[in-house]
Amino acid sequence: VMHEDPQWLRMRIFAFLALSLLGALGARLWFLQSIEHERFEFEAQTNVLELVYEEAPRGRILDRNGRVLVDNQVVQVVTIDRAELAGLDEAAREELFVRLAISVSRSGRLTKADAIAEEIADRSYGPFERIPVAIDVDRDLLVFIGEREDEFPGVEVVQRTVRSYPYGSLAAHVLGYVGPITRAEWESVTDPDEESDKQYQLNDEIGKTGIERVFEAELRGVPGIRYLRVDRSSKVIGEDDSRRRDPVSGNDVWLTIDIDLQALAEQELNDGLALARRTETRDPTDPPFVASAGSVVITDPQTGGVLAMASYPTYEPADF
């Protein structure tokens, strides 16, 4: 009986394995080029990710007993997607702005078409951000616009948070207020050489006065980040949810202020100034008691903590 050469047998096995691997590789290449060609071509056109920031709710401000002096309130905000407007001609845009202004005004929030156009033209917003054009609108407007998507292309009513003041104007000078960040403020808080989770965008809000400004670093939250997939025509075709970062609220700030004592101090200050204005001078040559302004500070003699700090005239921080 003749036995096959073992070396020749190994060569045949090796050749068979090599041909099998080459065949599998060829089949895979054919599959990628013929079957998956369109999918990979599409992905190649959409491999650009654009970052969109979502501002986080600010931390609350509380008095010494834990009563909330400044809070966040959820409101309905009418927004417009600037990218969707790119497909409309100028006449269609103007018609949309007029139609939207009329609808918002009828819901109770007086809005002009020119004001909407100015917001859309604001370059502090990125090309893929939703631009707010009317804040704190009636909830019914959400349903009204949602049922008429064809009439309001790119328009959506979303929920956002704004500052609220449960005690009105009490301690307004102490608490301060927030407002849109200016270019000078943005440059002062932005360091291009330093990475920060709390980076500011030119359409963010920042503390302007009082506690809101002094404790800005604590009150400001960590903005969320969305990664939008954009094609070569700058059209958003999807979102990478795996890399999304949800916004994180800022830290609460507790004060030594006692809001009850603050209310008493402000009332006494107002009464004292009113009495001074009614007081007549003993000497006709003396100037009158104008008493147009005043202040009161009450501190704890044991710790030096400020229990009340009143100032007149005051203002409504919610107006800002």
C-alpha atoms as a PDB file:
ATOM      1  CA  VAL A   1       0.000   0.000   0.000  1.00  0.00           C
ATOM      2  CA  MET A   2       1.378   3.406  -0.976  1.00  0.00           C
ATOM      3  CA  HIS A   3       1.175   6.082   1.632  1.00  0.00           C
ATOM      4  CA  GLU A   4       0.759   9.744   0.656  1.00  0.00           C
ATOM      5  CA  ASP A   5       3.712  11.978   1.402  1.00  0.00           C
ATOM      6  CA  PRO A   6       2.931  13.828   4.688  1.00  0.00           C
ATOM      7  CA  GLN A   7       4.601  16.996   3.406  1.00  0.00           C
ATOM      8  CA  TRP A   8       2.448  16.976   0.280  1.00  0.00           C
ATOM      9  CA  LEU A   9      -0.656  16.482   2.442  1.00  0.00           C
ATOM     10  CA  ARG A  10       0.228  19.488   4.586  1.00  0.00           C
ATOM     11  CA  MET A  11       0.730  21.589   1.461  1.00  0.00           C
ATOM     12  CA  ARG A  12      -2.718  20.610   0.183  1.00  0.00           C
ATOM     13  CA  ILE A  13      -4.329  21.481   3.523  1.00  0.00           C
ATOM     14  CA  PHE A  14      -2.507  24.833   3.617  1.00  0.00           C
ATOM     15  CA  ALA A  15      -3.574  25.625   0.053  1.00  0.00           C
ATOM     16  CA  PHE A  16      -7.174  24.744   0.868  1.00  0.00           C
ATOM     17  CA  LEU A  17      -7.161  27.048   3.912  1.00  0.00           C
ATOM     18  CA  ALA A  18      -5.537  29.859   1.933  1.00  0.00           C
ATOM     19  CA  LEU A  19      -8.110  29.562  -0.856  1.00  0.00           C
ATOM     20  CA  SER A  20     -10.934  29.520   1.716  1.00  0.00           C
ATOM     21  CA  LEU A  21      -9.641  32.696   3.370  1.00  0.00           C
ATOM     22  CA  LEU A  22      -9.180  34.426   0.033  1.00  0.00           C
ATOM     23  CA  GLY A  23     -12.666  33.374  -0.981  1.00  0.00           C
ATOM     24  CA  ALA A  24     -14.169  34.736   2.241  1.00  0.00           C
ATOM     25  CA  LEU A  25     -12.240  37.990   1.854  1.00  0.00           C
ATOM     26  CA  GLY A  26     -13.365  38.322  -1.755  1.00  0.00           C
ATOM     27  CA  ALA A  27     -16.968  37.687  -0.795  1.00  0.00           C
ATOM     28  CA  ARG A  28     -16.741  40.320   1.939  1.00  0.00           C
ATOM     29  CA  LEU A  29     -15.255  42.881  -0.447  1.00  0.00           C
ATOM     30  CA  TRP A  30     -17.970  42.138  -2.992  1.00  0.00           C
ATOM     31  CA  PHE A  31     -20.616  42.537  -0.269  1.00  0.00           C
ATOM     32  CA  LEU A  32     -19.201  45.885   0.896  1.00  0.00           C
ATOM     33  CA  GLN A  33     -18.819  47.288  -2.605  1.00  0.00           C
ATOM     34  CA  SER A  34     -22.079  46.016  -4.041  1.00  0.00           C
ATOM     35  CA  ILE A  35     -24.566  45.646  -1.209  1.00  0.00           C
ATOM     36  CA  GLU A  36     -23.356  48.107   1.454  1.00  0.00           C
ATOM     37  CA  HIS A  37     -22.007  50.701  -0.967  1.00  0.00           C
ATOM     38  CA  GLU A  38     -24.911  53.135  -0.588  1.00  0.00           C
ATOM     39  CA  ARG A  39     -24.972  52.877   3.207  1.00  0.00           C
ATOM     40  CA  PHE A  40     -21.249  53.622   3.567  1.00  0.00           C
ATOM     41  CA  GLU A  41     -21.460  56.449   1.043  1.00  0.00           C
ATOM     42  CA  PHE A  42     -24.306  57.944   3.079  1.00  0.00           C
ATOM     43  CA  GLU A  43     -22.350  57.614   6.334  1.00  0.00           C
ATOM     44  CA  ALA A  44     -19.318  59.219   4.706  1.00  0.00           C
ATOM     45  CA  GLN A  45     -21.453  62.250   3.962  1.00  0.00           C
ATOM     46  CA  THR A  46     -22.760  62.467   7.518  1.00  0.00           C
ATOM     47  CA  ASN A  47     -19.660  61.970   9.632  1.00  0.00           C
ATOM     48  CA  VAL A  48     -19.562  65.575  10.838  1.00  0.00           C
ATOM     49  CA  LEU A  49     -20.694  66.165  14.426  1.00  0.00           C
ATOM     50  CA  GLU A  50     -21.820  69.613  15.532  1.00  0.00           C
ATOM     51  CA  LEU A  51     -22.006  70.525  19.227  1.00  0.00           C
ATOM     52  CA  VAL A  52     -25.108  72.221  20.601  1.00  0.00           C
ATOM     53  CA  TYR A  53     -25.102  73.381  24.224  1.00  0.00           C
ATOM     54  CA  GLU A  54     -28.129  73.281  26.537  1.00  0.00           C
ATOM     55  CA  GLU A  55     -27.992  75.757  29.405  1.00  0.00           C
ATOM     56  CA  ALA A  56     -28.450  74.113  32.817  1.00  0.00           C
ATOM     57  CA  PRO A  57     -30.817  75.355  35.547  1.00  0.00           C
ATOM     58  CA  ARG A  58     -29.121  77.658  38.048  1.00  0.00           C
ATOM     59  CA  GLY A  59     -28.867  76.773  41.710  1.00  0.00           C
ATOM     60  CA  ARG A  60     -31.429  78.185  44.142  1.00  0.00           C
ATOM     61  CA  ILE A  61     -30.839  80.908  46.747  1.00  0.00           C
ATOM     62  CA  LEU A  62     -32.210  80.239  50.243  1.00  0.00           C
ATOM     63  CA  ASP A  63     -32.399  82.178  53.511  1.00  0.00           C
ATOM     64  CA  ARG A  64     -30.918  80.978  56.817  1.00  0.00           C
ATOM     65  CA  ASN A  65     -34.015  78.849  57.520  1.00  0.00           C
ATOM     66  CA  GLY A  66     -34.063  77.142  54.133  1.00  0.00           C
ATOM     67  CA  ARG A  67     -36.832  79.208  52.585  1.00  0.00           C
ATOM     68  CA  VAL A  68     -36.339  79.605  48.835  1.00  0.00           C
ATOM     69  CA  LEU A  69     -35.741  83.230  47.856  1.00  0.00           C
ATOM     70  CA  VAL A  70     -34.814  82.604  44.212  1.00  0.00           C
ATOM     71  CA  ASP A  71     -36.041  79.539  42.356  1.00  0.00           C
ATOM     72  CA  ASN A  72     -36.401  78.225  38.797  1.00  0.00           C
ATOM     73  CA  GLN A  73     -39.727  78.160  37.014  1.00  0.00           C
ATOM     74  CA  VAL A  74     -40.500  76.005  33.969  1.00  0.00           C
ATOM     75  CA  VAL A  75     -42.062  78.040  31.164  1.00  0.00           C
ATOM     76  CA  GLN A  76     -43.115  77.446  27.566  1.00  0.00           C
ATOM     77  CA  VAL A  77     -40.789  79.021  24.997  1.00  0.00           C
ATOM     78  CA  VAL A  78     -41.456  79.436  21.277  1.00  0.00           C
ATOM     79  CA  THR A  79     -38.307  78.538  19.330  1.00  0.00           C
ATOM     80  CA  ILE A  80     -37.324  78.500  15.674  1.00  0.00           C
ATOM     81  CA  ASP A  81     -34.821  76.196  13.999  1.00  0.00           C
ATOM     82  CA  ARG A  82     -32.614  78.501  11.943  1.00  0.00           C
ATOM     83  CA  ALA A  83     -31.442  75.601   9.760  1.00  0.00           C
ATOM     84  CA  GLU A  84     -34.994  74.922   8.579  1.00  0.00           C
ATOM     85  CA  LEU A  85     -35.454  78.563   7.669  1.00  0.00           C
ATOM     86  CA  ALA A  86     -32.589  78.248   5.184  1.00  0.00           C
ATOM     87  CA  GLY A  87     -34.936  76.428   2.816  1.00  0.00           C
ATOM     88  CA  LEU A  88     -37.434  79.300   2.720  1.00  0.00           C
ATOM     89  CA  ASP A  89     -37.210  82.339   0.485  1.00  0.00           C
ATOM     90  CA  GLU A  90     -37.422  85.844   1.958  1.00  0.00           C
ATOM     91  CA  ALA A  91     -41.153  86.248   1.263  1.00  0.00           C
ATOM     92  CA  ALA A  92     -41.960  82.918   2.913  1.00  0.00           C
ATOM     93  CA  ARG A  93     -39.884  83.893   5.960  1.00  0.00           C
ATOM     94  CA  GLU A  94     -41.655  87.209   6.388  1.00  0.00           C
ATOM     95  CA  GLU A  95     -45.016  85.480   6.059  1.00  0.00           C
ATOM     96  CA  LEU A  96     -43.980  82.930   8.704  1.00  0.00           C
ATOM     97  CA  PHE A  97     -42.837  85.655  11.127  1.00  0.00           C
ATOM     98  CA  VAL A  98     -46.097  87.577  10.716  1.00  0.00           C
ATOM     99  CA  ARG A  99     -48.197  84.442  11.169  1.00  0.00           C
ATOM    100  CA  LEU A 100     -46.216  83.447  14.262  1.00  0.00           C
ATOM    101  CA  ALA A 101     -46.339  86.951  15.782  1.00  0.00           C
ATOM    102  CA  ILE A 102     -50.120  87.035  15.402  1.00  0.00           C
ATOM    103  CA  SER A 103     -50.516  83.599  17.001  1.00  0.00           C
ATOM    104  CA  VAL A 104     -48.233  84.411  19.938  1.00  0.00           C
ATOM    105  CA  SER A 105     -49.899  87.782  20.514  1.00  0.00           C
ATOM    106  CA  ARG A 106     -53.361  86.211  20.518  1.00  0.00           C
ATOM    107  CA  SER A 107     -52.171  83.757  23.195  1.00  0.00           C
ATOM    108  CA  GLY A 108     -51.431  86.680  25.517  1.00  0.00           C
ATOM    109  CA  ARG A 109     -47.754  87.478  24.837  1.00  0.00           C
ATOM    110  CA  LEU A 110     -47.530  90.586  22.651  1.00  0.00           C
ATOM    111  CA  THR A 111     -44.952  89.902  19.929  1.00  0.00           C
ATOM    112  CA  LYS A 112     -44.010  91.696  16.718  1.00  0.00           C
ATOM    113  CA  ALA A 113     -42.784  90.136  13.487  1.00  0.00           C
ATOM    114  CA  ASP A 114     -39.831  92.554  13.399  1.00  0.00           C
ATOM    115  CA  ALA A 115     -38.763  91.385  16.874  1.00  0.00           C
ATOM    116  CA  ILE A 116     -38.796  87.752  15.708  1.00  0.00           C
ATOM    117  CA  ALA A 117     -36.685  88.660  12.680  1.00  0.00           C
ATOM    118  CA  GLU A 118     -34.164  90.432  14.916  1.00  0.00           C
ATOM    119  CA  GLU A 119     -33.839  87.365  17.142  1.00  0.00           C
ATOM    120  CA  ILE A 120     -33.251  85.136  14.123  1.00  0.00           C
ATOM    121  CA  ALA A 121     -30.533  87.525  12.893  1.00  0.00           C
ATOM    122  CA  ASP A 122     -28.723  87.424  16.267  1.00  0.00           C
ATOM    123  CA  ARG A 123     -25.335  85.860  15.465  1.00  0.00           C
ATOM    124  CA  SER A 124     -24.689  84.887  19.090  1.00  0.00           C
ATOM    125  CA  TYR A 125     -26.753  81.773  18.374  1.00  0.00           C
ATOM    126  CA  GLY A 126     -25.114  78.894  16.548  1.00  0.00           C
ATOM    127  CA  PRO A 127     -26.438  77.664  13.185  1.00  0.00           C
ATOM    128  CA  PHE A 128     -27.928  74.529  14.750  1.00  0.00           C
ATOM    129  CA  GLU A 129     -29.479  76.022  17.883  1.00  0.00           C
ATOM    130  CA  ARG A 130     -33.178  76.603  18.430  1.00  0.00           C
ATOM    131  CA  ILE A 131     -33.630  80.369  18.817  1.00  0.00           C
ATOM    132  CA  PRO A 132     -36.145  81.553  21.446  1.00  0.00           C
ATOM    133  CA  VAL A 133     -38.477  84.220  20.088  1.00  0.00           C
ATOM    134  CA  ALA A 134     -41.201  84.309  22.788  1.00  0.00           C
ATOM    135  CA  ILE A 135     -40.814  83.272  26.438  1.00  0.00           C
ATOM    136  CA  ASP A 136     -43.478  82.212  28.936  1.00  0.00           C
ATOM    137  CA  VAL A 137     -46.300  81.707  26.484  1.00  0.00           C
ATOM    138  CA  ASP A 138     -49.611  79.979  27.153  1.00  0.00           C
ATOM    139  CA  ARG A 139     -49.507  76.165  27.092  1.00  0.00           C
ATOM    140  CA  ASP A 140     -52.364  76.125  24.578  1.00  0.00           C
ATOM    141  CA  LEU A 141     -49.982  77.619  22.030  1.00  0.00           C
ATOM    142  CA  LEU A 142     -47.950  74.400  22.160  1.00  0.00           C
ATOM    143  CA  VAL A 143     -50.965  72.423  20.941  1.00  0.00           C
ATOM    144  CA  PHE A 144     -51.959  75.100  18.415  1.00  0.00           C
ATOM    145  CA  ILE A 145     -48.548  75.123  16.708  1.00  0.00           C
ATOM    146  CA  GLY A 146     -48.093  71.363  17.055  1.00  0.00           C
ATOM    147  CA  GLU A 147     -51.265  70.773  15.054  1.00  0.00           C
ATOM    148  CA  ARG A 148     -50.143  73.139  12.273  1.00  0.00           C
ATOM    149  CA  GLU A 149     -46.578  72.073  11.446  1.00  0.00           C
ATOM    150  CA  ASP A 150     -47.076  72.916   7.773  1.00  0.00           C
ATOM    151  CA  GLU A 151     -47.989  76.512   8.650  1.00  0.00           C
ATOM    152  CA  PHE A 152     -45.063  76.908  11.085  1.00  0.00           C
ATOM    153  CA  PRO A 153     -42.015  75.125   9.583  1.00  0.00           C
ATOM    154  CA  GLY A 154     -39.127  74.968  12.048  1.00  0.00           C
ATOM    155  CA  VAL A 155     -41.245  76.379  14.910  1.00  0.00           C
ATOM    156  CA  GLU A 156     -41.531  74.420  18.152  1.00  0.00           C
ATOM    157  CA  VAL A 157     -42.695  75.201  21.685  1.00  0.00           C
ATOM    158  CA  VAL A 158     -40.266  73.768  24.239  1.00  0.00           C
ATOM    159  CA  GLN A 159     -39.854  73.949  28.012  1.00  0.00           C
ATOM    160  CA  ARG A 160     -37.074  75.975  29.621  1.00  0.00           C
ATOM    161  CA  THR A 161     -36.371  77.398  33.066  1.00  0.00           C
ATOM    162  CA  VAL A 162     -36.304  81.053  34.086  1.00  0.00           C
ATOM    163  CA  ARG A 163     -35.617  82.691  37.442  1.00  0.00           C
ATOM    164  CA  SER A 164     -38.607  83.156  39.765  1.00  0.00           C
ATOM    165  CA  TYR A 165     -38.865  85.169  42.987  1.00  0.00           C
ATOM    166  CA  PRO A 166     -41.408  83.774  45.489  1.00  0.00           C
ATOM    167  CA  TYR A 167     -41.026  86.847  47.757  1.00  0.00           C
ATOM    168  CA  GLY A 168     -41.260  89.441  45.009  1.00  0.00           C
ATOM    169  CA  SER A 169     -39.042  92.457  45.546  1.00  0.00           C
ATOM    170  CA  LEU A 170     -37.935  91.462  49.071  1.00  0.00           C
ATOM    171  CA  ALA A 171     -34.126  91.580  49.344  1.00  0.00           C
ATOM    172  CA  ALA A 172     -33.871  92.478  45.651  1.00  0.00           C
ATOM    173  CA  HIS A 173     -30.632  94.416  46.148  1.00  0.00           C
ATOM    174  CA  VAL A 174     -29.109  91.476  48.008  1.00  0.00           C
ATOM    175  CA  LEU A 175     -30.223  88.780  45.588  1.00  0.00           C
ATOM    176  CA  GLY A 176     -29.541  90.647  42.353  1.00  0.00           C
ATOM    177  CA  TYR A 177     -30.689  89.438  38.952  1.00  0.00           C
ATOM    178  CA  VAL A 178     -29.475  87.631  35.833  1.00  0.00           C
ATOM    179  CA  GLY A 179     -29.399  88.791  32.242  1.00  0.00           C
ATOM    180  CA  PRO A 180     -27.942  87.978  28.816  1.00  0.00           C
ATOM    181  CA  ILE A 181     -24.151  87.842  28.869  1.00  0.00           C
ATOM    182  CA  THR A 182     -22.421  90.694  27.046  1.00  0.00           C
ATOM    183  CA  ARG A 183     -19.401  90.354  24.796  1.00  0.00           C
ATOM    184  CA  ALA A 184     -17.185  91.983  27.464  1.00  0.00           C
ATOM    185  CA  GLU A 185     -18.492  89.634  30.164  1.00  0.00           C
ATOM    186  CA  TRP A 186     -18.047  86.619  27.901  1.00  0.00           C
ATOM    187  CA  GLU A 187     -14.422  87.550  27.208  1.00  0.00           C
ATOM    188  CA  SER A 188     -13.727  88.078  30.921  1.00  0.00           C
ATOM    189  CA  VAL A 189     -15.012  84.619  31.944  1.00  0.00           C
ATOM    190  CA  THR A 190     -13.676  82.675  28.936  1.00  0.00           C
ATOM    191  CA  ASP A 191     -10.109  81.386  28.933  1.00  0.00           C
ATOM    192  CA  PRO A 192      -9.196  79.780  25.576  1.00  0.00           C
ATOM    193  CA  ASP A 193      -6.300  77.911  27.214  1.00  0.00           C
ATOM    194  CA  GLU A 194      -8.442  76.386  29.961  1.00  0.00           C
ATOM    195  CA  GLU A 195     -11.028  73.653  29.550  1.00  0.00           C
ATOM    196  CA  SER A 196     -14.115  74.022  31.728  1.00  0.00           C
ATOM    197  CA  ASP A 197     -17.384  72.116  31.988  1.00  0.00           C
ATOM    198  CA  LYS A 198     -19.112  75.448  32.598  1.00  0.00           C
ATOM    199  CA  GLN A 199     -18.046  77.238  29.439  1.00  0.00           C
ATOM    200  CA  TYR A 200     -20.259  80.166  28.437  1.00  0.00           C
ATOM    201  CA  GLN A 201     -21.897  80.698  25.079  1.00  0.00           C
ATOM    202  CA  LEU A 202     -22.769  84.152  23.780  1.00  0.00           C
ATOM    203  CA  ASN A 203     -26.483  83.518  24.294  1.00  0.00           C
ATOM    204  CA  ASP A 204     -26.184  82.383  27.939  1.00  0.00           C
ATOM    205  CA  GLU A 205     -27.344  84.276  31.013  1.00  0.00           C
ATOM    206  CA  ILE A 206     -25.036  85.436  33.780  1.00  0.00           C
ATOM    207  CA  GLY A 207     -25.441  87.032  37.204  1.00  0.00           C
ATOM    208  CA  LYS A 208     -25.446  90.813  36.893  1.00  0.00           C
ATOM    209  CA  THR A 209     -25.644  92.050  40.500  1.00  0.00           C
ATOM    210  CA  GLY A 210     -25.923  90.862  44.096  1.00  0.00           C
ATOM    211  CA  ILE A 211     -25.651  87.209  45.105  1.00  0.00           C
ATOM    212  CA  GLU A 212     -26.376  86.166  41.528  1.00  0.00           C
ATOM    213  CA  ARG A 213     -23.117  87.787  40.469  1.00  0.00           C
ATOM    214  CA  VAL A 214     -20.907  87.138  43.505  1.00  0.00           C
ATOM    215  CA  PHE A 215     -21.717  83.411  43.564  1.00  0.00           C
ATOM    216  CA  GLU A 216     -22.008  83.004  39.795  1.00  0.00           C
ATOM    217  CA  ALA A 217     -19.456  80.166  39.753  1.00  0.00           C
ATOM    218  CA  GLU A 218     -21.536  78.150  42.245  1.00  0.00           C
ATOM    219  CA  LEU A 219     -25.003  78.976  40.956  1.00  0.00           C
ATOM    220  CA  ARG A 220     -24.199  78.244  37.328  1.00  0.00           C
ATOM    221  CA  GLY A 221     -24.793  74.638  36.327  1.00  0.00           C
ATOM    222  CA  VAL A 222     -22.938  72.433  33.866  1.00  0.00           C
ATOM    223  CA  PRO A 223     -24.435  72.905  30.379  1.00  0.00           C
ATOM    224  CA  GLY A 224     -25.615  69.845  28.490  1.00  0.00           C
ATOM    225  CA  ILE A 225     -24.118  68.912  25.127  1.00  0.00           C
ATOM    226  CA  ARG A 226     -25.871  67.387  22.130  1.00  0.00           C
ATOM    227  CA  TYR A 227     -23.959  66.006  19.154  1.00  0.00           C
ATOM    228  CA  LEU A 228     -25.846  66.523  15.906  1.00  0.00           C
ATOM    229  CA  ARG A 229     -24.959  64.640  12.729  1.00  0.00           C
ATOM    230  CA  VAL A 230     -24.700  67.087   9.846  1.00  0.00           C
ATOM    231  CA  ASP A 231     -24.240  66.307   6.138  1.00  0.00           C
ATOM    232  CA  ARG A 232     -22.206  68.245   3.600  1.00  0.00           C
ATOM    233  CA  SER A 233     -25.153  70.577   3.019  1.00  0.00           C
ATOM    234  CA  SER A 234     -25.194  71.518   6.744  1.00  0.00           C
ATOM    235  CA  LYS A 235     -28.472  69.697   7.141  1.00  0.00           C
ATOM    236  CA  VAL A 236     -29.104  67.897  10.425  1.00  0.00           C
ATOM    237  CA  ILE A 237     -29.877  64.250   9.705  1.00  0.00           C
ATOM    238  CA  GLY A 238     -29.592  62.711  13.166  1.00  0.00           C
ATOM    239  CA  GLU A 239     -28.100  62.850  16.626  1.00  0.00           C
ATOM    240  CA  ASP A 240     -25.425  60.810  18.403  1.00  0.00           C
ATOM    241  CA  ASP A 241     -27.218  59.964  21.643  1.00  0.00           C
ATOM    242  CA  SER A 242     -24.308  57.866  22.903  1.00  0.00           C
ATOM    243  CA  ARG A 243     -22.183  60.989  23.452  1.00  0.00           C
ATOM    244  CA  ARG A 244     -24.930  63.214  24.787  1.00  0.00           C
ATOM    245  CA  ARG A 245     -24.291  65.005  28.113  1.00  0.00           C
ATOM    246  CA  ASP A 246     -27.349  66.030  30.101  1.00  0.00           C
ATOM    247  CA  PRO A 247     -27.273  69.429  31.856  1.00  0.00           C
ATOM    248  CA  VAL A 248     -26.518  69.454  35.588  1.00  0.00           C
ATOM    249  CA  SER A 249     -28.132  72.040  37.881  1.00  0.00           C
ATOM    250  CA  GLY A 250     -25.954  74.518  39.740  1.00  0.00           C
ATOM    251  CA  ASN A 251     -25.341  74.473  43.497  1.00  0.00           C
ATOM    252  CA  ASP A 252     -27.727  76.068  45.991  1.00  0.00           C
ATOM    253  CA  VAL A 253     -26.488  79.054  48.010  1.00  0.00           C
ATOM    254  CA  TRP A 254     -27.635  79.573  51.620  1.00  0.00           C
ATOM    255  CA  LEU A 255     -27.599  83.090  53.054  1.00  0.00           C
ATOM    256  CA  THR A 256     -27.520  84.379  56.620  1.00  0.00           C
ATOM    257  CA  ILE A 257     -30.524  86.547  55.724  1.00  0.00           C
ATOM    258  CA  ASP A 258     -33.771  85.930  57.625  1.00  0.00           C
ATOM    259  CA  ILE A 259     -36.525  86.771  55.153  1.00  0.00           C
ATOM    260  CA  ASP A 260     -39.024  87.635  57.921  1.00  0.00           C
ATOM    261  CA  LEU A 261     -36.592  90.093  59.474  1.00  0.00           C
ATOM    262  CA  GLN A 262     -35.800  91.360  55.982  1.00  0.00           C
ATOM    263  CA  ALA A 263     -39.481  92.099  55.358  1.00  0.00           C
ATOM    264  CA  LEU A 264     -39.722  93.949  58.679  1.00  0.00           C
ATOM    265  CA  ALA A 265     -36.580  95.995  57.946  1.00  0.00           C
ATOM    266  CA  GLU A 266     -37.864  97.030  54.515  1.00  0.00           C
ATOM    267  CA  GLN A 267     -41.269  98.009  55.915  1.00  0.00           C
ATOM    268  CA  GLU A 268     -39.710 100.086  58.695  1.00  0.00           C
ATOM    269  CA  LEU A 269     -37.375 101.752  56.230  1.00  0.00           C
ATOM    270  CA  ASN A 270     -40.265 102.694  53.942  1.00  0.00           C
ATOM    271  CA  ASP A 271     -42.300 104.026  56.875  1.00  0.00           C
ATOM    272  CA  GLY A 272     -39.333 105.965  58.235  1.00  0.00           C
ATOM    273  CA  LEU A 273     -38.620 107.624  54.912  1.00  0.00           C
ATOM    274  CA  ALA A 274     -42.301 108.489  54.431  1.00  0.00           C
ATOM    275  CA  LEU A 275     -42.398 110.084  57.892  1.00  0.00           C
ATOM    276  CA  ALA A 276     -39.215 112.046  57.164  1.00  0.00           C
ATOM    277  CA  ARG A 277     -40.699 113.421  53.961  1.00  0.00           C
ATOM    278  CA  ARG A 278     -43.694 114.732  55.909  1.00  0.00           C
ATOM    279  CA  THR A 279     -41.551 116.355  58.594  1.00  0.00           C
ATOM    280  CA  GLU A 280     -41.297 120.139  58.415  1.00  0.00           C
ATOM    281  CA  THR A 281     -38.040 121.894  59.231  1.00  0.00           C
ATOM    282  CA  ARG A 282     -37.961 124.099  62.317  1.00  0.00           C
ATOM    283  CA  ASP A 283     -35.915 126.775  60.626  1.00  0.00           C
ATOM    284  CA  PRO A 284     -37.389 128.055  57.365  1.00  0.00           C
ATOM    285  CA  THR A 285     -33.861 128.514  56.041  1.00  0.00           C
ATOM    286  CA  ASP A 286     -33.036 124.802  56.487  1.00  0.00           C
ATOM    287  CA  PRO A 287     -33.345 122.545  53.444  1.00  0.00           C
ATOM    288  CA  PRO A 288     -36.419 120.251  53.385  1.00  0.00           C
ATOM    289  CA  PHE A 289     -36.273 116.584  54.408  1.00  0.00           C
ATOM    290  CA  VAL A 290     -36.123 115.037  50.942  1.00  0.00           C
ATOM    291  CA  ALA A 291     -35.521 111.481  52.222  1.00  0.00           C
ATOM    292  CA  SER A 292     -35.400 110.017  48.715  1.00  0.00           C
ATOM    293  CA  ALA A 293     -33.308 106.987  49.673  1.00  0.00           C
ATOM    294  CA  GLY A 294     -32.061 105.002  52.638  1.00  0.00           C
ATOM    295  CA  SER A 295     -30.702 101.680  53.839  1.00  0.00           C
ATOM    296  CA  VAL A 296     -30.805  99.390  56.872  1.00  0.00           C
ATOM    297  CA  VAL A 297     -28.396  96.645  57.898  1.00  0.00           C
ATOM    298  CA  ILE A 298     -29.051  94.244  60.788  1.00  0.00           C
ATOM    299  CA  THR A 299     -26.258  91.924  61.914  1.00  0.00           C
ATOM    300  CA  ASP A 300     -25.903  89.167  64.500  1.00  0.00           C
ATOM    301  CA  PRO A 301     -23.655  90.587  67.268  1.00  0.00           C
ATOM    302  CA  GLN A 302     -22.362  87.102  68.083  1.00  0.00           C
ATOM    303  CA  THR A 303     -21.259  86.053  64.597  1.00  0.00           C
ATOM    304  CA  GLY A 304     -21.356  89.228  62.501  1.00  0.00           C
ATOM    305  CA  GLY A 305     -23.689  87.512  60.032  1.00  0.00           C
ATOM    306  CA  VAL A 306     -26.028  89.806  58.122  1.00  0.00           C
ATOM    307  CA  LEU A 307     -29.634  89.068  59.099  1.00  0.00           C
ATOM    308  CA  ALA A 308     -31.267  91.786  56.973  1.00  0.00           C
ATOM    309  CA  MET A 309     -30.054  94.297  54.420  1.00  0.00           C
ATOM    310  CA  ALA A 310     -32.697  96.682  53.132  1.00  0.00           C
ATOM    311  CA  SER A 311     -32.332  99.447  50.583  1.00  0.00           C
ATOM    312  CA  TYR A 312     -34.754 102.017  49.190  1.00  0.00           C
ATOM    313  CA  PRO A 313     -35.812 102.534  46.444  1.00  0.00           C
ATOM    314  CA  THR A 314     -36.030  98.900  45.403  1.00  0.00           C
ATOM    315  CA  TYR A 315     -37.052  97.084  42.208  1.00  0.00           C
ATOM    316  CA  GLU A 316     -38.682  93.898  40.945  1.00  0.00           C
ATOM    317  CA  PRO A 317     -35.946  91.426  39.913  1.00  0.00           C
ATOM    318  CA  ALA A 318     -38.492  89.433  37.904  1.00  0.00           C
ATOM    319  CA  ASP A 319     -38.727  92.378  35.483  1.00  0.00           C
ATOM    320  CA  PHE A 320     -35.279  91.490  34.201  1.00  0.00           C
END
